[in-house]
Amino acid sequence: MTFALWCVLAAALLPLVFTAIAKYGHEAGIHRLNKKPRVFQAELTGYRARAHWAHLNSIEAFPPFAAAVLTAQFVHAPQGRIDLLAALFIVLRLVYAGFYLADKAPLRSLSWALALLCVIGLFVVAGVGS
Protein backbone atom coordinates (compact mmCIF):
# COMPACT_ATOMS: atom_id res chain seq x y z
CA MET A 1 0.00 0.00 0.00
CA THR A 2 1.34 3.42 -0.90
CA PHE A 3 2.04 6.20 1.57
CA ALA A 4 -0.77 8.24 0.01
CA LEU A 5 -3.27 5.47 0.74
CA TRP A 6 -2.12 5.43 4.36
CA CYS A 7 -2.86 9.15 4.33
CA VAL A 8 -6.39 8.38 3.14
CA LEU A 9 -6.78 6.11 6.16
CA ALA A 10 -5.41 8.85 8.42
CA ALA A 11 -7.87 11.35 6.94
CA ALA A 12 -10.72 8.90 7.52
CA LEU A 13 -9.75 8.63 11.20
CA LEU A 14 -9.28 12.35 11.88
CA PRO A 15 -12.98 12.99 12.58
CA LEU A 16 -12.86 10.41 15.36
CA VAL A 17 -9.89 12.17 16.96
CA PHE A 18 -11.78 15.45 17.06
CA THR A 19 -14.88 13.80 18.51
CA ALA A 20 -12.72 12.32 21.25
CA ILE A 21 -11.32 15.79 22.01
CA ALA A 22 -14.85 17.18 22.23
CA LYS A 23 -15.93 14.45 24.65
CA TYR A 24 -12.83 13.58 26.69
CA GLY A 25 -13.05 14.61 30.31
CA HIS A 26 -16.52 16.14 29.99
CA GLU A 27 -18.25 16.34 33.37
CA ALA A 28 -21.36 14.59 32.01
CA GLY A 29 -19.51 11.30 31.55
CA ILE A 30 -19.22 9.21 28.42
CA HIS A 31 -22.42 7.19 29.09
CA ARG A 32 -24.60 10.31 28.99
CA LEU A 33 -22.71 11.74 26.04
CA ASN A 34 -23.34 8.66 23.94
CA LYS A 35 -26.97 8.31 25.03
CA LYS A 36 -28.10 11.51 23.25
CA PRO A 37 -25.11 12.66 21.19
CA ARG A 38 -26.99 15.29 19.17
CA VAL A 39 -28.24 16.98 22.33
CA PHE A 40 -24.74 16.90 23.80
CA GLN A 41 -23.21 18.34 20.64
CA ALA A 42 -25.70 21.20 20.54
CA GLU A 43 -24.77 22.16 24.11
CA LEU A 44 -21.00 22.24 23.56
CA THR A 45 -19.10 25.48 24.15
CA GLY A 46 -15.51 26.67 23.90
CA TYR A 47 -12.83 24.36 22.60
CA ARG A 48 -15.20 21.39 22.78
CA ALA A 49 -17.58 23.06 20.32
CA ARG A 50 -14.66 23.94 18.06
CA ALA A 51 -13.44 20.32 18.22
CA HIS A 52 -16.90 19.20 17.13
CA TRP A 53 -16.86 21.69 14.25
CA ALA A 54 -13.41 20.43 13.23
CA HIS A 55 -14.93 16.94 13.29
CA LEU A 56 -17.71 18.02 10.93
CA ASN A 57 -15.33 19.82 8.60
CA SER A 58 -13.04 16.79 8.51
CA ILE A 59 -15.96 14.66 7.37
CA GLU A 60 -16.63 17.21 4.60
CA ALA A 61 -12.97 17.34 3.55
CA PHE A 62 -12.51 13.57 3.33
CA PRO A 63 -14.42 12.63 0.12
CA PRO A 64 -12.63 15.09 -2.21
CA PHE A 65 -9.25 14.13 -0.73
CA ALA A 66 -9.88 10.40 -1.07
CA ALA A 67 -11.20 10.86 -4.60
CA ALA A 68 -8.15 12.93 -5.55
CA VAL A 69 -5.67 10.37 -4.21
CA LEU A 70 -7.50 7.46 -5.83
CA THR A 71 -7.81 9.31 -9.14
CA ALA A 72 -4.12 10.20 -9.19
CA GLN A 73 -3.15 6.62 -8.42
CA PHE A 74 -5.62 5.20 -10.93
CA VAL A 75 -4.05 7.16 -13.79
CA HIS A 76 -0.53 6.30 -12.57
CA ALA A 77 0.54 9.85 -11.82
CA PRO A 78 4.04 10.12 -10.30
CA GLN A 79 3.79 8.44 -6.91
CA GLY A 80 6.25 10.80 -5.25
CA ARG A 81 4.05 13.78 -6.05
CA ILE A 82 0.93 11.96 -4.88
CA ASP A 83 2.61 11.01 -1.61
CA LEU A 84 3.91 14.54 -1.03
CA LEU A 85 0.54 16.20 -1.62
CA ALA A 86 -1.26 13.60 0.49
CA ALA A 87 1.19 14.08 3.37
CA LEU A 88 0.89 17.85 3.13
CA PHE A 89 -2.88 17.53 3.23
CA ILE A 90 -2.73 15.53 6.47
CA VAL A 91 -0.23 17.91 8.07
CA LEU A 92 -2.31 20.93 7.06
CA ARG A 93 -5.51 19.35 8.36
CA LEU A 94 -3.81 18.77 11.72
CA VAL A 95 -2.58 22.36 11.72
CA TYR A 96 -6.11 23.46 10.78
CA ALA A 97 -7.53 21.56 13.75
CA GLY A 98 -4.95 23.03 16.08
CA PHE A 99 -5.84 26.54 14.97
CA TYR A 100 -9.54 25.68 15.27
CA LEU A 101 -9.12 24.47 18.85
CA ALA A 102 -7.03 27.55 19.69
CA ASP A 103 -9.70 29.83 18.16
CA LYS A 104 -7.30 31.36 15.61
CA ALA A 105 -9.76 31.91 12.76
CA PRO A 106 -7.47 33.61 10.18
CA LEU A 107 -4.76 30.95 10.54
CA ARG A 108 -7.40 28.22 10.52
CA SER A 109 -8.77 29.57 7.24
CA LEU A 110 -5.28 29.75 5.74
CA SER A 111 -4.48 26.15 6.64
CA TRP A 112 -7.89 25.06 5.32
CA ALA A 113 -7.20 26.80 2.00
CA LEU A 114 -3.72 25.28 1.71
CA ALA A 115 -5.15 21.80 2.35
CA LEU A 116 -7.73 22.45 -0.37
CA LEU A 117 -4.89 23.39 -2.72
CA CYS A 118 -3.35 19.98 -2.01
CA VAL A 119 -6.57 18.31 -3.16
CA ILE A 120 -6.64 20.44 -6.30
CA GLY A 121 -2.96 19.65 -6.80
CA LEU A 122 -3.68 15.94 -6.68
CA PHE A 123 -6.25 16.30 -9.45
CA VAL A 124 -3.83 18.43 -11.47
CA VAL A 125 -1.08 15.82 -11.03
CA ALA A 126 -3.58 13.20 -12.19
CA GLY A 127 -4.46 15.26 -15.24
CA VAL A 128 -0.99 16.22 -16.40
CA GLY A 129 1.34 13.81 -14.69
CA SER A 130 0.19 10.51 -16.13
C-alpha atoms as a PDB file:
ATOM      1  CA  MET A   1       0.000   0.000   0.000  1.00  0.00           C
ATOM      2  CA  THR A   2       1.340   3.417  -0.903  1.00  0.00           C
ATOM      3  CA  PHE A   3       2.043   6.198   1.567  1.00  0.00           C
ATOM      4  CA  ALA A   4      -0.774   8.240   0.011  1.00  0.00           C
ATOM      5  CA  LEU A   5      -3.266   5.470   0.739  1.00  0.00           C
ATOM      6  CA  TRP A   6      -2.123   5.430   4.364  1.00  0.00           C
ATOM      7  CA  CYS A   7      -2.863   9.154   4.332  1.00  0.00           C
ATOM      8  CA  VAL A   8      -6.392   8.377   3.139  1.00  0.00           C
ATOM      9  CA  LEU A   9      -6.777   6.109   6.162  1.00  0.00           C
ATOM     10  CA  ALA A  10      -5.413   8.850   8.422  1.00  0.00           C
ATOM     11  CA  ALA A  11      -7.868  11.350   6.940  1.00  0.00           C
ATOM     12  CA  ALA A  12     -10.717   8.903   7.524  1.00  0.00           C
ATOM     13  CA  LEU A  13      -9.748   8.628  11.203  1.00  0.00           C
ATOM     14  CA  LEU A  14      -9.276  12.351  11.877  1.00  0.00           C
ATOM     15  CA  PRO A  15     -12.981  12.993  12.584  1.00  0.00           C
ATOM     16  CA  LEU A  16     -12.856  10.408  15.365  1.00  0.00           C
ATOM     17  CA  VAL A  17      -9.894  12.166  16.961  1.00  0.00           C
ATOM     18  CA  PHE A  18     -11.777  15.453  17.060  1.00  0.00           C
ATOM     19  CA  THR A  19     -14.876  13.801  18.508  1.00  0.00           C
ATOM     20  CA  ALA A  20     -12.717  12.324  21.248  1.00  0.00           C
ATOM     21  CA  ILE A  21     -11.318  15.786  22.008  1.00  0.00           C
ATOM     22  CA  ALA A  22     -14.848  17.178  22.228  1.00  0.00           C
ATOM     23  CA  LYS A  23     -15.934  14.446  24.648  1.00  0.00           C
ATOM     24  CA  TYR A  24     -12.831  13.585  26.690  1.00  0.00           C
ATOM     25  CA  GLY A  25     -13.055  14.614  30.314  1.00  0.00           C
ATOM     26  CA  HIS A  26     -16.524  16.140  29.989  1.00  0.00           C
ATOM     27  CA  GLU A  27     -18.249  16.336  33.365  1.00  0.00           C
ATOM     28  CA  ALA A  28     -21.362  14.587  32.012  1.00  0.00           C
ATOM     29  CA  GLY A  29     -19.510  11.303  31.552  1.00  0.00           C
ATOM     30  CA  ILE A  30     -19.224   9.213  28.420  1.00  0.00           C
ATOM     31  CA  HIS A  31     -22.416   7.192  29.086  1.00  0.00           C
ATOM     32  CA  ARG A  32     -24.603  10.306  28.993  1.00  0.00           C
ATOM     33  CA  LEU A  33     -22.705  11.741  26.044  1.00  0.00           C
ATOM     34  CA  ASN A  34     -23.341   8.657  23.939  1.00  0.00           C
ATOM     35  CA  LYS A  35     -26.966   8.311  25.026  1.00  0.00           C
ATOM     36  CA  LYS A  36     -28.097  11.510  23.254  1.00  0.00           C
ATOM     37  CA  PRO A  37     -25.111  12.661  21.187  1.00  0.00           C
ATOM     38  CA  ARG A  38     -26.988  15.292  19.170  1.00  0.00           C
ATOM     39  CA  VAL A  39     -28.240  16.982  22.330  1.00  0.00           C
ATOM     40  CA  PHE A  40     -24.742  16.896  23.801  1.00  0.00           C
ATOM     41  CA  GLN A  41     -23.205  18.341  20.635  1.00  0.00           C
ATOM     42  CA  ALA A  42     -25.700  21.202  20.544  1.00  0.00           C
ATOM     43  CA  GLU A  43     -24.766  22.164  24.113  1.00  0.00           C
ATOM     44  CA  LEU A  44     -20.995  22.244  23.559  1.00  0.00           C
ATOM     45  CA  THR A  45     -19.096  25.479  24.152  1.00  0.00           C
ATOM     46  CA  GLY A  46     -15.513  26.674  23.898  1.00  0.00           C
ATOM     47  CA  TYR A  47     -12.830  24.356  22.596  1.00  0.00           C
ATOM     48  CA  ARG A  48     -15.201  21.389  22.783  1.00  0.00           C
ATOM     49  CA  ALA A  49     -17.579  23.064  20.321  1.00  0.00           C
ATOM     50  CA  ARG A  50     -14.657  23.943  18.063  1.00  0.00           C
ATOM     51  CA  ALA A  51     -13.442  20.323  18.217  1.00  0.00           C
ATOM     52  CA  HIS A  52     -16.904  19.202  17.129  1.00  0.00           C
ATOM     53  CA  TRP A  53     -16.861  21.694  14.252  1.00  0.00           C
ATOM     54  CA  ALA A  54     -13.411  20.429  13.232  1.00  0.00           C
ATOM     55  CA  HIS A  55     -14.930  16.939  13.290  1.00  0.00           C
ATOM     56  CA  LEU A  56     -17.712  18.020  10.933  1.00  0.00           C
ATOM     57  CA  ASN A  57     -15.327  19.823   8.603  1.00  0.00           C
ATOM     58  CA  SER A  58     -13.041  16.790   8.510  1.00  0.00           C
ATOM     59  CA  ILE A  59     -15.962  14.661   7.370  1.00  0.00           C
ATOM     60  CA  GLU A  60     -16.633  17.210   4.604  1.00  0.00           C
ATOM     61  CA  ALA A  61     -12.972  17.339   3.549  1.00  0.00           C
ATOM     62  CA  PHE A  62     -12.509  13.575   3.330  1.00  0.00           C
ATOM     63  CA  PRO A  63     -14.419  12.635   0.123  1.00  0.00           C
ATOM     64  CA  PRO A  64     -12.631  15.089  -2.208  1.00  0.00           C
ATOM     65  CA  PHE A  65      -9.248  14.134  -0.733  1.00  0.00           C
ATOM     66  CA  ALA A  66      -9.884  10.400  -1.065  1.00  0.00           C
ATOM     67  CA  ALA A  67     -11.198  10.863  -4.601  1.00  0.00           C
ATOM     68  CA  ALA A  68      -8.152  12.931  -5.553  1.00  0.00           C
ATOM     69  CA  VAL A  69      -5.675  10.370  -4.213  1.00  0.00           C
ATOM     70  CA  LEU A  70      -7.497   7.462  -5.834  1.00  0.00           C
ATOM     71  CA  THR A  71      -7.810   9.307  -9.141  1.00  0.00           C
ATOM     72  CA  ALA A  72      -4.118  10.201  -9.191  1.00  0.00           C
ATOM     73  CA  GLN A  73      -3.154   6.621  -8.424  1.00  0.00           C
ATOM     74  CA  PHE A  74      -5.622   5.200 -10.929  1.00  0.00           C
ATOM     75  CA  VAL A  75      -4.047   7.161 -13.793  1.00  0.00           C
ATOM     76  CA  HIS A  76      -0.535   6.297 -12.566  1.00  0.00           C
ATOM     77  CA  ALA A  77       0.544   9.851 -11.816  1.00  0.00           C
ATOM     78  CA  PRO A  78       4.041  10.122 -10.303  1.00  0.00           C
ATOM     79  CA  GLN A  79       3.791   8.437  -6.912  1.00  0.00           C
ATOM     80  CA  GLY A  80       6.247  10.796  -5.249  1.00  0.00           C
ATOM     81  CA  ARG A  81       4.045  13.775  -6.047  1.00  0.00           C
ATOM     82  CA  ILE A  82       0.934  11.965  -4.883  1.00  0.00           C
ATOM     83  CA  ASP A  83       2.612  11.009  -1.611  1.00  0.00           C
ATOM     84  CA  LEU A  84       3.908  14.538  -1.035  1.00  0.00           C
ATOM     85  CA  LEU A  85       0.541  16.204  -1.618  1.00  0.00           C
ATOM     86  CA  ALA A  86      -1.258  13.599   0.492  1.00  0.00           C
ATOM     87  CA  ALA A  87       1.195  14.075   3.366  1.00  0.00           C
ATOM     88  CA  LEU A  88       0.894  17.854   3.131  1.00  0.00           C
ATOM     89  CA  PHE A  89      -2.883  17.528   3.231  1.00  0.00           C
ATOM     90  CA  ILE A  90      -2.726  15.526   6.474  1.00  0.00           C
ATOM     91  CA  VAL A  91      -0.234  17.914   8.075  1.00  0.00           C
ATOM     92  CA  LEU A  92      -2.310  20.933   7.062  1.00  0.00           C
ATOM     93  CA  ARG A  93      -5.510  19.350   8.361  1.00  0.00           C
ATOM     94  CA  LEU A  94      -3.810  18.767  11.721  1.00  0.00           C
ATOM     95  CA  VAL A  95      -2.579  22.363  11.722  1.00  0.00           C
ATOM     96  CA  TYR A  96      -6.106  23.458  10.784  1.00  0.00           C
ATOM     97  CA  ALA A  97      -7.528  21.561  13.748  1.00  0.00           C
ATOM     98  CA  GLY A  98      -4.945  23.034  16.084  1.00  0.00           C
ATOM     99  CA  PHE A  99      -5.841  26.538  14.973  1.00  0.00           C
ATOM    100  CA  TYR A 100      -9.537  25.683  15.268  1.00  0.00           C
ATOM    101  CA  LEU A 101      -9.120  24.471  18.848  1.00  0.00           C
ATOM    102  CA  ALA A 102      -7.032  27.548  19.690  1.00  0.00           C
ATOM    103  CA  ASP A 103      -9.698  29.826  18.157  1.00  0.00           C
ATOM    104  CA  LYS A 104      -7.297  31.362  15.611  1.00  0.00           C
ATOM    105  CA  ALA A 105      -9.755  31.914  12.756  1.00  0.00           C
ATOM    106  CA  PRO A 106      -7.467  33.610  10.184  1.00  0.00           C
ATOM    107  CA  LEU A 107      -4.761  30.947  10.545  1.00  0.00           C
ATOM    108  CA  ARG A 108      -7.399  28.224  10.524  1.00  0.00           C
ATOM    109  CA  SER A 109      -8.768  29.567   7.240  1.00  0.00           C
ATOM    110  CA  LEU A 110      -5.283  29.754   5.744  1.00  0.00           C
ATOM    111  CA  SER A 111      -4.478  26.148   6.641  1.00  0.00           C
ATOM    112  CA  TRP A 112      -7.888  25.063   5.321  1.00  0.00           C
ATOM    113  CA  ALA A 113      -7.198  26.797   1.996  1.00  0.00           C
ATOM    114  CA  LEU A 114      -3.722  25.278   1.713  1.00  0.00           C
ATOM    115  CA  ALA A 115      -5.151  21.805   2.351  1.00  0.00           C
ATOM    116  CA  LEU A 116      -7.729  22.452  -0.366  1.00  0.00           C
ATOM    117  CA  LEU A 117      -4.895  23.386  -2.724  1.00  0.00           C
ATOM    118  CA  CYS A 118      -3.354  19.981  -2.012  1.00  0.00           C
ATOM    119  CA  VAL A 119      -6.570  18.309  -3.158  1.00  0.00           C
ATOM    120  CA  ILE A 120      -6.644  20.440  -6.295  1.00  0.00           C
ATOM    121  CA  GLY A 121      -2.962  19.653  -6.805  1.00  0.00           C
ATOM    122  CA  LEU A 122      -3.681  15.936  -6.678  1.00  0.00           C
ATOM    123  CA  PHE A 123      -6.248  16.299  -9.448  1.00  0.00           C
ATOM    124  CA  VAL A 124      -3.832  18.430 -11.471  1.00  0.00           C
ATOM    125  CA  VAL A 125      -1.084  15.819 -11.034  1.00  0.00           C
ATOM    126  CA  ALA A 126      -3.581  13.199 -12.186  1.00  0.00           C
ATOM    127  CA  GLY A 127      -4.457  15.263 -15.241  1.00  0.00           C
ATOM    128  CA  VAL A 128      -0.988  16.222 -16.401  1.00  0.00           C
ATOM    129  CA  GLY A 129       1.340  13.810 -14.685  1.00  0.00           C
ATOM    130  CA  SER A 130       0.192  10.510 -16.129  1.00  0.00           C
END
